[in-house]
Amino acid sequence: MTVHRLNEVLLICSLVLLIAVVAVRLSSRSGLPSLLLYLGIGIAIGQDGIFNVEFDNAELTQVIGYAALVVILAEGGLGTKWQEVRPALPAAVALSTAGVALSVGVTAAAAHYLVGLEWRQALIIGAVVSSTDAAAVFSVLRRVPLPSRVTGVLEAESGFNDAPVVILVVAFCTAGPVDDWYVLVGTIALELTIGAAIGLAAGWLGAFGLRHVALPASGLYPIAVMAIAVVAYAAGAIAHGSGFLAVYLAAMVLGNSKLPHAPATRGFAEGLGWLAQIGMFVLLGLLVTPHELVDDFWPAVIVGLVLTMVARPLSVFLSLLPFRIPRREQILLSWAGLRGAVPIILATIPMVADVEGSTRIFNIVFVLVVVYTLVQGPTLPWLAKALRLGPGAPSDLGVESAPLEQLRGHLLSVSIPEESKMHGVEVAELRLPPGAAVTLVVRDERSFVPSPSTVLRRGDELLVVATDPVRDAAEKRLRAVGQGGKLAGWLGTG
């Protein structure tokens, strides 16, 4: 490749990236899922589009899509709060296993009897579209305040269900008869167990190392965290386990550990996640040939209607029976099973495996995802409001820790969100442990040294200095006051 050609490629890539960033802003204002805008950019560049770029490399798309999914799962795991996910974990596991099995069966039956697909093709479609998309779910949860239990179930489910679905799709795409169901179930259970063990171990070891090894620059911490998450995926895959489950669990352990520069790390991961989404969606838009979608439009609508109105609600209601989740929350969970790029990426697996009818499978999945993302994404906030499902507990404080190696202490940067009960609390009423003190308050772009009687307000940023032995206790106390106010100690939240 000549230098001139390289410059042209860089120019086109940078223009696409700039357009995609503007699309993020437009999607956040309009309520349209950004997925559709990114796919539109890819379609506009590709065949039948403005530039008419011919691209049909399904294997390359699958590889890049897997890499992007690893980044997206890592970003989602880092942002998942353990206190929200822990009570929802059994329900999320049930949805990711029994719920997926129910959804695959019902959707495959619809694809076979209503659309006329062969059973292997029907099972592949049923498995592909049974996975909720982590990127779509995390993106929606950022702008739709929901009860913590619903948020926890959706986050954990979207992180967990990719693993069993990938195993199912690969099994259905394998040449020859599909293994007996009990062999398939055993394989899934073994791969999930291996992936979970490796992910938890990688996360714990990574957190331990980052807390005890001071890196020379703060910018290295986000890189190290993402590297640990990627190592967890690679180790899980090499050990014949679920790499996707490993990377999500490793990132979740890291995200809930008291790591230095944690908010900066999450911001870095969020930026990488956006970049991965943009690249993945644009590439998928390039892969599709729009004029070939016409014949598969109505079959996709029919399969998607059964999936959305029958399979997903049935899987939610039946798999969550033991957990006594209110019916209103179950209805929202049924509608919030958003599909995104993950099903389209999984639809490239039969193309790479040369499964008969794989192009039609890809087209049906592509149309289904686009149509029902258009329907479900913008209406989810309206449904949450109609069901009277608002946010749960007040927003947690944003606490960033920067180690002061020479002084054997820590500098905590604390942001007070709008709903925090720390609003109206005096500095003295924080009752921080000896060895910790609020040294600076930033309010309305003005900084000052507070007195014990200074009243804290929403939107304030605090700098708290804590010695090594009391660092954890100081952060625990700050979070307790943020959740329970000045009476946190007596209310059982301190």
Protein backbone atom coordinates (compact mmCIF):
# COMPACT_ATOMS: atom_id res chain seq x y z
CA MET A 1 0.00 0.00 0.00
CA THR A 2 1.41 3.39 -1.04
CA VAL A 3 1.59 6.35 1.31
CA HIS A 4 -1.02 8.18 -0.80
CA ARG A 5 -3.40 5.22 -0.56
CA LEU A 6 -2.80 4.99 3.18
CA ASN A 7 -3.65 8.67 3.55
CA GLU A 8 -6.91 8.14 1.68
CA VAL A 9 -7.84 5.21 3.93
CA LEU A 10 -7.02 7.21 7.07
CA LEU A 11 -9.09 10.14 5.79
CA ILE A 12 -12.11 7.93 5.09
CA CYS A 13 -11.82 6.18 8.47
CA SER A 14 -11.54 9.46 10.36
CA LEU A 15 -14.54 10.91 8.50
CA VAL A 16 -16.60 7.81 9.30
CA LEU A 17 -15.57 8.05 12.94
CA LEU A 18 -16.49 11.74 13.12
CA ILE A 19 -19.88 11.05 11.52
CA ALA A 20 -20.44 8.21 13.97
CA VAL A 21 -19.59 10.45 16.95
CA VAL A 22 -22.14 13.01 15.69
CA ALA A 23 -24.58 10.10 15.36
CA VAL A 24 -24.10 9.34 19.07
CA ARG A 25 -25.29 12.85 19.87
CA LEU A 26 -28.25 12.62 17.48
CA SER A 27 -29.30 9.24 18.86
CA SER A 28 -29.18 10.48 22.46
CA ARG A 29 -31.38 13.45 21.54
CA SER A 30 -33.86 11.64 19.33
CA GLY A 31 -34.13 8.43 21.37
CA LEU A 32 -33.24 6.32 18.33
CA PRO A 33 -30.81 3.48 19.11
CA SER A 34 -27.34 4.38 17.86
CA LEU A 35 -27.14 0.87 16.39
CA LEU A 36 -29.40 1.93 13.53
CA LEU A 37 -27.35 5.02 12.72
CA TYR A 38 -24.08 3.07 12.64
CA LEU A 39 -25.61 0.35 10.49
CA GLY A 40 -26.94 3.08 8.20
CA ILE A 41 -23.43 4.48 7.80
CA GLY A 42 -22.13 1.03 6.82
CA ILE A 43 -24.98 0.47 4.37
CA ALA A 44 -24.42 3.91 2.83
CA ILE A 45 -20.76 3.11 2.25
CA GLY A 46 -21.32 -0.46 1.06
CA GLN A 47 -23.08 -2.18 -1.81
CA ASP A 48 -26.10 -0.31 -3.20
CA GLY A 49 -24.83 2.72 -1.25
CA ILE A 50 -23.11 5.98 -2.07
CA PHE A 51 -19.57 4.60 -2.39
CA ASN A 52 -20.66 1.10 -3.52
CA VAL A 53 -17.83 -0.60 -1.60
CA GLU A 54 -18.00 -4.36 -2.12
CA PHE A 55 -17.34 -6.30 1.08
CA ASP A 56 -18.37 -9.93 1.63
CA ASN A 57 -15.74 -11.30 4.02
CA ALA A 58 -17.91 -12.94 6.67
CA GLU A 59 -14.91 -14.55 8.40
CA LEU A 60 -13.14 -11.20 8.91
CA THR A 61 -16.41 -9.67 10.14
CA GLN A 62 -16.80 -12.48 12.65
CA VAL A 63 -13.25 -12.08 13.97
CA ILE A 64 -13.57 -8.30 14.35
CA GLY A 65 -17.05 -8.71 15.82
CA TYR A 66 -15.74 -11.13 18.45
CA ALA A 67 -12.95 -8.70 19.34
CA ALA A 68 -15.45 -5.84 19.62
CA LEU A 69 -17.75 -7.96 21.76
CA VAL A 70 -14.88 -8.70 24.16
CA VAL A 71 -14.33 -4.95 24.61
CA ILE A 72 -18.07 -4.28 25.03
CA LEU A 73 -18.45 -7.05 27.63
CA ALA A 74 -15.39 -5.77 29.49
CA GLU A 75 -16.83 -2.24 29.54
CA GLY A 76 -20.19 -3.57 30.74
CA GLY A 77 -18.58 -5.66 33.47
CA LEU A 78 -16.54 -2.71 34.73
CA GLY A 79 -19.72 -0.63 35.04
CA THR A 80 -21.79 -3.35 36.71
CA LYS A 81 -22.34 -2.69 40.41
CA TRP A 82 -22.09 -5.81 42.51
CA GLN A 83 -24.59 -4.55 45.11
CA GLU A 84 -27.22 -4.30 42.34
CA VAL A 85 -26.32 -7.54 40.57
CA ARG A 86 -25.93 -9.75 43.65
CA PRO A 87 -29.64 -10.02 44.54
CA ALA A 88 -30.52 -10.35 40.85
CA LEU A 89 -27.87 -12.97 40.06
CA PRO A 90 -30.05 -16.13 40.42
CA ALA A 91 -32.76 -14.60 38.22
CA ALA A 92 -30.20 -13.54 35.61
CA VAL A 93 -28.66 -17.02 35.54
CA ALA A 94 -32.12 -18.57 35.11
CA LEU A 95 -32.87 -16.22 32.21
CA SER A 96 -29.49 -16.94 30.62
CA THR A 97 -29.95 -20.72 30.73
CA ALA A 98 -33.53 -21.95 31.05
CA GLY A 99 -34.85 -18.72 29.49
CA VAL A 100 -32.54 -19.06 26.50
CA ALA A 101 -33.57 -22.70 25.99
CA LEU A 102 -37.28 -21.77 26.00
CA SER A 103 -36.69 -18.87 23.63
CA VAL A 104 -34.69 -21.02 21.20
CA GLY A 105 -37.39 -23.70 21.11
CA VAL A 106 -40.35 -21.36 20.56
CA THR A 107 -38.56 -19.18 17.99
CA ALA A 108 -37.22 -22.20 16.08
CA ALA A 109 -40.71 -23.70 15.92
CA ALA A 110 -42.05 -20.43 14.48
CA ALA A 111 -39.23 -20.26 11.92
CA HIS A 112 -39.94 -23.86 10.86
CA TYR A 113 -43.74 -23.95 10.78
CA LEU A 114 -44.56 -20.33 9.88
CA VAL A 115 -41.65 -19.42 7.59
CA GLY A 116 -40.84 -22.88 6.20
CA LEU A 117 -37.17 -23.12 7.14
CA GLU A 118 -35.52 -26.50 7.65
CA TRP A 119 -35.07 -27.51 11.27
CA ARG A 120 -31.31 -26.87 11.32
CA GLN A 121 -31.77 -23.38 9.89
CA ALA A 122 -34.68 -22.73 12.25
CA LEU A 123 -32.67 -23.82 15.29
CA ILE A 124 -29.75 -21.61 14.24
CA ILE A 125 -32.04 -18.58 13.94
CA GLY A 126 -33.70 -19.41 17.25
CA ALA A 127 -30.33 -19.58 18.99
CA VAL A 128 -28.89 -16.49 17.27
CA VAL A 129 -31.74 -14.15 18.20
CA SER A 130 -32.14 -15.47 21.75
CA SER A 131 -29.12 -13.50 22.94
CA THR A 132 -29.81 -10.01 24.28
CA ASP A 133 -27.18 -7.53 23.18
CA ALA A 134 -24.88 -6.18 25.89
CA ALA A 135 -24.12 -2.96 24.00
CA ALA A 136 -27.80 -2.20 23.39
CA VAL A 137 -28.82 -2.99 26.98
CA PHE A 138 -25.98 -1.01 28.58
CA SER A 139 -26.68 1.94 26.25
CA VAL A 140 -30.37 2.03 27.14
CA LEU A 141 -29.77 1.63 30.88
CA ARG A 142 -27.58 4.76 30.82
CA ARG A 143 -30.58 6.91 29.89
CA VAL A 144 -33.56 5.01 31.36
CA PRO A 145 -33.64 5.06 35.19
CA LEU A 146 -35.05 1.74 36.40
CA PRO A 147 -35.33 -0.05 39.77
CA SER A 148 -32.03 -1.56 40.82
CA ARG A 149 -33.39 -5.13 40.66
CA VAL A 150 -34.52 -4.72 37.03
CA THR A 151 -31.23 -3.04 36.11
CA GLY A 152 -29.26 -5.81 37.81
CA VAL A 153 -31.16 -8.59 36.01
CA LEU A 154 -30.81 -6.92 32.60
CA GLU A 155 -27.11 -6.17 33.02
CA ALA A 156 -26.21 -9.63 34.29
CA GLU A 157 -28.39 -11.41 31.73
CA SER A 158 -26.88 -9.50 28.80
CA GLY A 159 -23.41 -10.33 30.11
CA PHE A 160 -24.15 -14.00 30.78
CA ASN A 161 -26.35 -15.18 27.90
CA ASP A 162 -23.83 -14.64 25.09
CA ALA A 163 -21.84 -17.63 26.31
CA PRO A 164 -24.49 -20.39 26.09
CA VAL A 165 -25.91 -18.93 22.87
CA VAL A 166 -22.50 -19.02 21.11
CA ILE A 167 -22.11 -22.66 22.15
CA LEU A 168 -25.58 -23.49 20.79
CA VAL A 169 -25.01 -21.72 17.47
CA VAL A 170 -21.67 -23.47 16.92
CA ALA A 171 -23.25 -26.84 17.80
CA PHE A 172 -26.16 -26.33 15.38
CA CYS A 173 -23.75 -25.24 12.62
CA THR A 174 -21.56 -28.32 12.98
CA ALA A 175 -21.85 -30.77 10.11
CA GLY A 176 -23.79 -33.94 10.85
CA PRO A 177 -26.56 -34.55 13.41
CA VAL A 178 -26.72 -32.42 16.51
CA ASP A 179 -25.62 -34.23 19.67
CA ASP A 180 -28.20 -35.59 22.07
CA TRP A 181 -29.66 -32.83 24.21
CA TYR A 182 -28.07 -34.09 27.43
CA VAL A 183 -24.60 -34.09 25.80
CA LEU A 184 -25.18 -30.53 24.61
CA VAL A 185 -26.36 -29.44 28.07
CA GLY A 186 -23.32 -31.04 29.67
CA THR A 187 -20.99 -29.32 27.21
CA ILE A 188 -22.58 -25.94 27.91
CA ALA A 189 -22.38 -26.48 31.67
CA LEU A 190 -18.71 -27.49 31.48
CA GLU A 191 -17.69 -24.55 29.27
CA LEU A 192 -19.58 -22.09 31.47
CA THR A 193 -17.96 -23.52 34.61
CA ILE A 194 -14.46 -23.26 33.12
CA GLY A 195 -15.11 -19.73 31.88
CA ALA A 196 -16.54 -18.60 35.21
CA ALA A 197 -13.61 -20.04 37.18
CA ILE A 198 -11.01 -18.44 34.91
CA GLY A 199 -12.83 -15.10 34.84
CA LEU A 200 -13.17 -14.88 38.62
CA ALA A 201 -9.55 -15.94 39.14
CA ALA A 202 -8.22 -13.46 36.57
CA GLY A 203 -10.28 -10.64 38.05
CA TRP A 204 -9.19 -11.36 41.62
CA LEU A 205 -5.51 -11.77 40.74
CA GLY A 206 -5.60 -8.65 38.56
CA ALA A 207 -7.23 -6.55 41.27
CA PHE A 208 -4.76 -7.81 43.86
CA GLY A 209 -1.82 -6.96 41.63
CA LEU A 210 -3.06 -3.48 40.71
CA ARG A 211 -3.70 -2.63 44.35
CA HIS A 212 -0.21 -3.67 45.44
CA VAL A 213 1.92 -2.58 42.47
CA ALA A 214 2.23 1.16 41.87
CA LEU A 215 2.41 1.90 38.14
CA PRO A 216 4.59 4.85 37.08
CA ALA A 217 1.74 6.73 35.34
CA SER A 218 -2.00 6.95 36.06
CA GLY A 219 -2.77 6.40 32.37
CA LEU A 220 -1.39 2.87 32.60
CA TYR A 221 -4.12 1.68 34.99
CA PRO A 222 -6.94 1.69 32.39
CA ILE A 223 -4.69 -0.10 29.90
CA ALA A 224 -3.74 -2.71 32.50
CA VAL A 225 -7.38 -3.32 33.46
CA MET A 226 -8.46 -3.85 29.84
CA ALA A 227 -5.43 -6.09 29.25
CA ILE A 228 -6.42 -8.28 32.21
CA ALA A 229 -9.96 -8.58 30.84
CA VAL A 230 -8.67 -9.61 27.40
CA VAL A 231 -6.30 -12.14 28.98
CA ALA A 232 -9.29 -13.64 30.82
CA TYR A 233 -11.10 -14.09 27.50
CA ALA A 234 -8.08 -15.66 25.81
CA ALA A 235 -7.37 -17.99 28.74
CA GLY A 236 -11.01 -19.08 28.88
CA ALA A 237 -11.13 -19.79 25.15
CA ILE A 238 -7.80 -21.68 25.17
CA ALA A 239 -9.01 -23.82 28.10
CA HIS A 240 -12.13 -24.75 26.03
CA GLY A 241 -14.32 -22.68 28.31
CA SER A 242 -16.51 -19.68 27.65
CA GLY A 243 -14.22 -16.74 26.96
CA PHE A 244 -17.16 -14.33 26.86
CA LEU A 245 -18.28 -15.29 30.37
CA ALA A 246 -14.66 -15.11 31.56
CA VAL A 247 -14.11 -11.55 30.30
CA TYR A 248 -17.41 -10.31 31.75
CA LEU A 249 -16.79 -11.81 35.20
CA ALA A 250 -13.16 -10.67 35.27
CA ALA A 251 -14.20 -7.12 34.39
CA MET A 252 -16.99 -7.19 36.97
CA VAL A 253 -14.54 -8.24 39.71
CA LEU A 254 -12.11 -5.51 38.64
CA GLY A 255 -14.87 -2.91 38.44
CA ASN A 256 -16.04 -3.65 41.96
CA SER A 257 -12.54 -3.69 43.46
CA LYS A 258 -11.18 -0.51 44.98
CA LEU A 259 -8.65 0.12 42.24
CA PRO A 260 -6.68 3.35 41.83
CA HIS A 261 -8.19 5.73 39.26
CA ALA A 262 -11.33 3.60 38.92
CA PRO A 263 -13.61 6.28 37.37
CA ALA A 264 -10.88 7.17 34.87
CA THR A 265 -10.60 3.47 34.01
CA ARG A 266 -14.35 3.21 33.45
CA GLY A 267 -14.25 6.32 31.27
CA PHE A 268 -11.44 4.83 29.18
CA ALA A 269 -13.34 1.54 28.85
CA GLU A 270 -16.52 3.38 27.88
CA GLY A 271 -14.65 5.19 25.11
CA LEU A 272 -13.23 1.89 23.83
CA GLY A 273 -16.72 0.40 24.03
CA TRP A 274 -18.15 3.17 21.84
CA LEU A 275 -15.30 2.71 19.36
CA ALA A 276 -15.91 -1.05 19.27
CA GLN A 277 -19.63 -0.53 18.70
CA ILE A 278 -19.06 1.97 15.91
CA GLY A 279 -16.56 -0.24 14.09
CA MET A 280 -18.65 -3.37 14.56
CA PHE A 281 -21.93 -1.86 13.38
CA VAL A 282 -20.37 -0.10 10.37
CA LEU A 283 -18.69 -3.34 9.32
CA LEU A 284 -21.96 -5.26 9.64
CA GLY A 285 -23.66 -2.61 7.52
CA LEU A 286 -20.96 -3.09 4.88
CA LEU A 287 -21.50 -6.86 4.87
CA VAL A 288 -25.20 -6.71 4.08
CA THR A 289 -26.55 -6.30 0.53
CA PRO A 290 -29.72 -4.19 0.85
CA HIS A 291 -31.52 -5.38 -2.31
CA GLU A 292 -31.28 -8.98 -1.05
CA LEU A 293 -33.22 -8.11 2.10
CA VAL A 294 -36.54 -7.53 0.34
CA ASP A 295 -37.47 -11.21 -0.04
CA ASP A 296 -36.69 -11.93 3.62
CA PHE A 297 -38.46 -8.91 5.11
CA TRP A 298 -41.76 -10.52 6.03
CA PRO A 299 -40.23 -13.82 7.27
CA ALA A 300 -38.03 -11.70 9.58
CA VAL A 301 -41.04 -9.72 10.80
CA ILE A 302 -42.97 -12.93 11.54
CA VAL A 303 -40.08 -14.58 13.41
CA GLY A 304 -39.41 -11.35 15.30
CA LEU A 305 -43.06 -10.99 16.27
CA VAL A 306 -43.12 -14.48 17.76
CA LEU A 307 -39.79 -13.83 19.51
CA THR A 308 -40.91 -10.50 20.97
CA MET A 309 -44.52 -11.26 21.86
CA VAL A 310 -44.36 -14.98 22.70
CA ALA A 311 -40.87 -16.47 23.17
CA ARG A 312 -39.29 -13.69 25.24
CA PRO A 313 -42.30 -13.14 27.59
CA LEU A 314 -42.72 -16.91 28.01
CA SER A 315 -39.03 -17.36 28.85
CA VAL A 316 -39.19 -14.49 31.36
CA PHE A 317 -42.39 -15.57 33.09
CA LEU A 318 -41.50 -19.27 33.35
CA SER A 319 -37.81 -18.98 34.25
CA LEU A 320 -38.53 -16.32 36.90
CA LEU A 321 -41.37 -18.21 38.60
CA PRO A 322 -39.25 -19.20 41.64
CA PHE A 323 -38.10 -15.61 42.32
CA ARG A 324 -41.39 -13.81 43.04
CA ILE A 325 -40.56 -10.84 40.84
CA PRO A 326 -43.59 -8.51 40.47
CA ARG A 327 -45.55 -8.86 37.25
CA ARG A 328 -44.87 -5.24 36.23
CA GLU A 329 -41.13 -5.85 36.38
CA GLN A 330 -41.53 -9.09 34.40
CA ILE A 331 -43.40 -7.21 31.67
CA LEU A 332 -40.58 -4.66 31.45
CA LEU A 333 -37.95 -7.41 31.41
CA SER A 334 -39.83 -9.07 28.55
CA TRP A 335 -39.84 -5.87 26.46
CA ALA A 336 -36.26 -4.94 27.39
CA GLY A 337 -34.74 -8.04 25.77
CA LEU A 338 -33.03 -5.85 23.19
CA ARG A 339 -31.23 -7.35 20.21
CA GLY A 340 -28.30 -5.57 18.61
CA ALA A 341 -25.06 -6.38 16.87
CA VAL A 342 -24.46 -9.65 18.75
CA PRO A 343 -27.16 -11.64 16.88
CA ILE A 344 -25.90 -10.26 13.55
CA ILE A 345 -22.34 -11.27 14.46
CA LEU A 346 -23.54 -14.73 15.47
CA ALA A 347 -25.36 -14.97 12.13
CA THR A 348 -21.93 -14.92 10.44
CA ILE A 349 -21.04 -18.25 12.10
CA PRO A 350 -23.20 -20.35 9.70
CA MET A 351 -21.83 -18.32 6.78
CA VAL A 352 -18.25 -19.17 7.76
CA ALA A 353 -19.28 -22.83 8.33
CA ASP A 354 -20.94 -22.97 4.86
CA VAL A 355 -24.29 -24.01 6.28
CA GLU A 356 -26.94 -24.33 3.57
CA GLY A 357 -29.12 -21.22 3.47
CA SER A 358 -26.70 -19.22 5.62
CA THR A 359 -27.13 -16.05 3.54
CA ARG A 360 -30.88 -16.16 4.14
CA ILE A 361 -30.30 -16.71 7.86
CA PHE A 362 -28.08 -13.62 7.96
CA ASN A 363 -30.63 -11.51 6.07
CA ILE A 364 -33.53 -12.57 8.31
CA VAL A 365 -31.54 -11.83 11.45
CA PHE A 366 -30.39 -8.46 10.09
CA VAL A 367 -33.92 -7.31 9.23
CA LEU A 368 -35.30 -8.65 12.52
CA VAL A 369 -32.72 -6.75 14.57
CA VAL A 370 -33.25 -3.47 12.71
CA VAL A 371 -37.07 -3.57 12.79
CA TYR A 372 -37.49 -4.60 16.41
CA THR A 373 -34.72 -2.35 17.69
CA LEU A 374 -36.66 0.51 16.09
CA VAL A 375 -39.79 -0.66 17.91
CA GLN A 376 -38.41 -1.62 21.33
CA GLY A 377 -35.62 0.91 21.96
CA PRO A 378 -37.58 4.19 21.77
CA THR A 379 -40.65 2.74 23.52
CA LEU A 380 -38.82 1.31 26.55
CA PRO A 381 -38.77 4.61 28.53
CA TRP A 382 -42.48 5.07 27.80
CA LEU A 383 -43.27 1.53 29.01
CA ALA A 384 -41.24 2.01 32.19
CA LYS A 385 -43.21 5.19 32.90
CA ALA A 386 -46.55 3.51 32.11
CA LEU A 387 -45.71 0.67 34.50
CA ARG A 388 -44.66 3.24 37.13
CA LEU A 389 -41.22 1.76 37.44
CA GLY A 390 -38.90 4.58 38.45
CA PRO A 391 -35.36 4.55 39.83
CA GLY A 392 -34.65 2.78 43.09
CA ALA A 393 -32.07 3.88 45.62
CA PRO A 394 -30.28 7.24 45.30
CA SER A 395 -27.34 7.36 42.90
CA ASP A 396 -24.08 6.16 44.38
CA LEU A 397 -21.22 8.58 44.84
CA GLY A 398 -18.49 8.73 42.22
CA VAL A 399 -15.31 8.08 44.20
CA GLU A 400 -11.90 8.09 42.49
CA SER A 401 -8.81 7.06 44.40
CA ALA A 402 -5.29 8.25 43.58
CA PRO A 403 -2.55 6.62 45.67
CA LEU A 404 0.02 8.92 47.31
CA GLU A 405 2.90 6.46 47.40
CA GLN A 406 5.47 8.66 49.13
CA LEU A 407 3.03 9.78 51.84
CA ARG A 408 1.41 6.36 52.38
CA GLY A 409 -2.02 7.81 51.82
CA HIS A 410 -4.80 8.23 49.29
CA LEU A 411 -6.50 11.22 47.69
CA LEU A 412 -10.21 10.50 47.18
CA SER A 413 -12.11 12.56 44.63
CA VAL A 414 -15.83 12.44 45.49
CA SER A 415 -18.65 13.63 43.21
CA ILE A 416 -22.08 14.17 44.79
CA PRO A 417 -24.86 13.26 42.30
CA GLU A 418 -28.25 14.94 42.09
CA GLU A 419 -30.20 12.33 44.07
CA SER A 420 -27.57 11.78 46.78
CA LYS A 421 -28.65 12.14 50.39
CA MET A 422 -25.30 13.78 51.14
CA HIS A 423 -26.98 17.00 50.01
CA GLY A 424 -27.56 19.15 53.10
CA VAL A 425 -25.05 17.28 55.28
CA GLU A 426 -22.40 19.30 57.10
CA VAL A 427 -18.75 18.26 56.80
CA ALA A 428 -18.60 17.44 60.53
CA GLU A 429 -21.67 15.23 60.17
CA LEU A 430 -19.80 12.97 57.75
CA ARG A 431 -18.05 11.57 60.84
CA LEU A 432 -15.04 10.35 58.86
CA PRO A 433 -12.64 8.08 60.74
CA PRO A 434 -9.53 9.66 62.33
CA GLY A 435 -6.88 9.93 59.63
CA ALA A 436 -9.33 11.14 56.96
CA ALA A 437 -10.48 14.70 56.27
CA VAL A 438 -12.24 16.77 53.62
CA THR A 439 -9.54 19.18 52.44
CA LEU A 440 -11.19 20.95 49.48
CA VAL A 441 -14.67 21.54 48.03
CA VAL A 442 -15.24 22.51 44.38
CA ARG A 443 -18.62 24.21 43.85
CA ASP A 444 -19.81 26.13 40.80
CA GLU A 445 -16.26 26.15 39.37
CA ARG A 446 -14.96 27.70 42.61
CA SER A 447 -12.79 25.86 45.14
CA PHE A 448 -12.49 26.54 48.86
CA VAL A 449 -11.28 24.88 52.05
CA PRO A 450 -14.36 23.81 54.03
CA SER A 451 -14.98 24.31 57.74
CA PRO A 452 -16.68 21.67 59.91
CA SER A 453 -19.99 23.55 59.48
CA THR A 454 -19.81 23.75 55.66
CA VAL A 455 -23.03 22.33 54.18
CA LEU A 456 -22.47 20.02 51.22
CA ARG A 457 -24.65 20.34 48.14
CA ARG A 458 -25.54 18.23 45.14
CA GLY A 459 -23.02 18.73 42.35
CA ASP A 460 -20.15 19.38 44.78
CA GLU A 461 -16.80 17.69 44.26
CA LEU A 462 -14.79 16.88 47.37
CA LEU A 463 -11.15 16.09 47.85
CA VAL A 464 -10.68 13.77 50.81
CA VAL A 465 -7.24 12.80 52.09
CA ALA A 466 -7.03 9.47 53.93
CA THR A 467 -4.12 7.54 55.37
CA ASP A 468 -3.52 3.99 54.21
CA PRO A 469 -5.11 2.19 57.20
CA VAL A 470 -8.42 4.13 57.06
CA ARG A 471 -8.82 4.51 53.30
CA ASP A 472 -11.45 1.73 52.96
CA ALA A 473 -13.33 2.86 56.07
CA ALA A 474 -13.44 6.44 54.81
CA GLU A 475 -14.86 5.43 51.43
CA LYS A 476 -17.39 3.12 53.10
CA ARG A 477 -18.55 5.96 55.35
CA LEU A 478 -18.84 8.38 52.42
CA ARG A 479 -20.95 5.94 50.44
CA ALA A 480 -23.13 5.23 53.50
CA VAL A 481 -23.89 8.93 53.98
CA GLY A 482 -24.59 9.24 50.25
CA GLN A 483 -27.20 6.48 50.56
CA GLY A 484 -28.66 7.19 54.01
CA GLY A 485 -27.84 10.81 54.83
CA LYS A 486 -26.47 12.06 58.13
CA LEU A 487 -28.38 9.34 60.03
CA ALA A 488 -26.72 6.55 58.07
CA GLY A 489 -25.20 4.97 61.18
CA TRP A 490 -28.56 4.66 62.92
CA LEU A 491 -30.43 3.56 59.81
CA GLY A 492 -28.16 0.55 59.30
CA THR A 493 -26.45 1.89 56.18
CA GLY A 494 -23.23 2.98 57.87
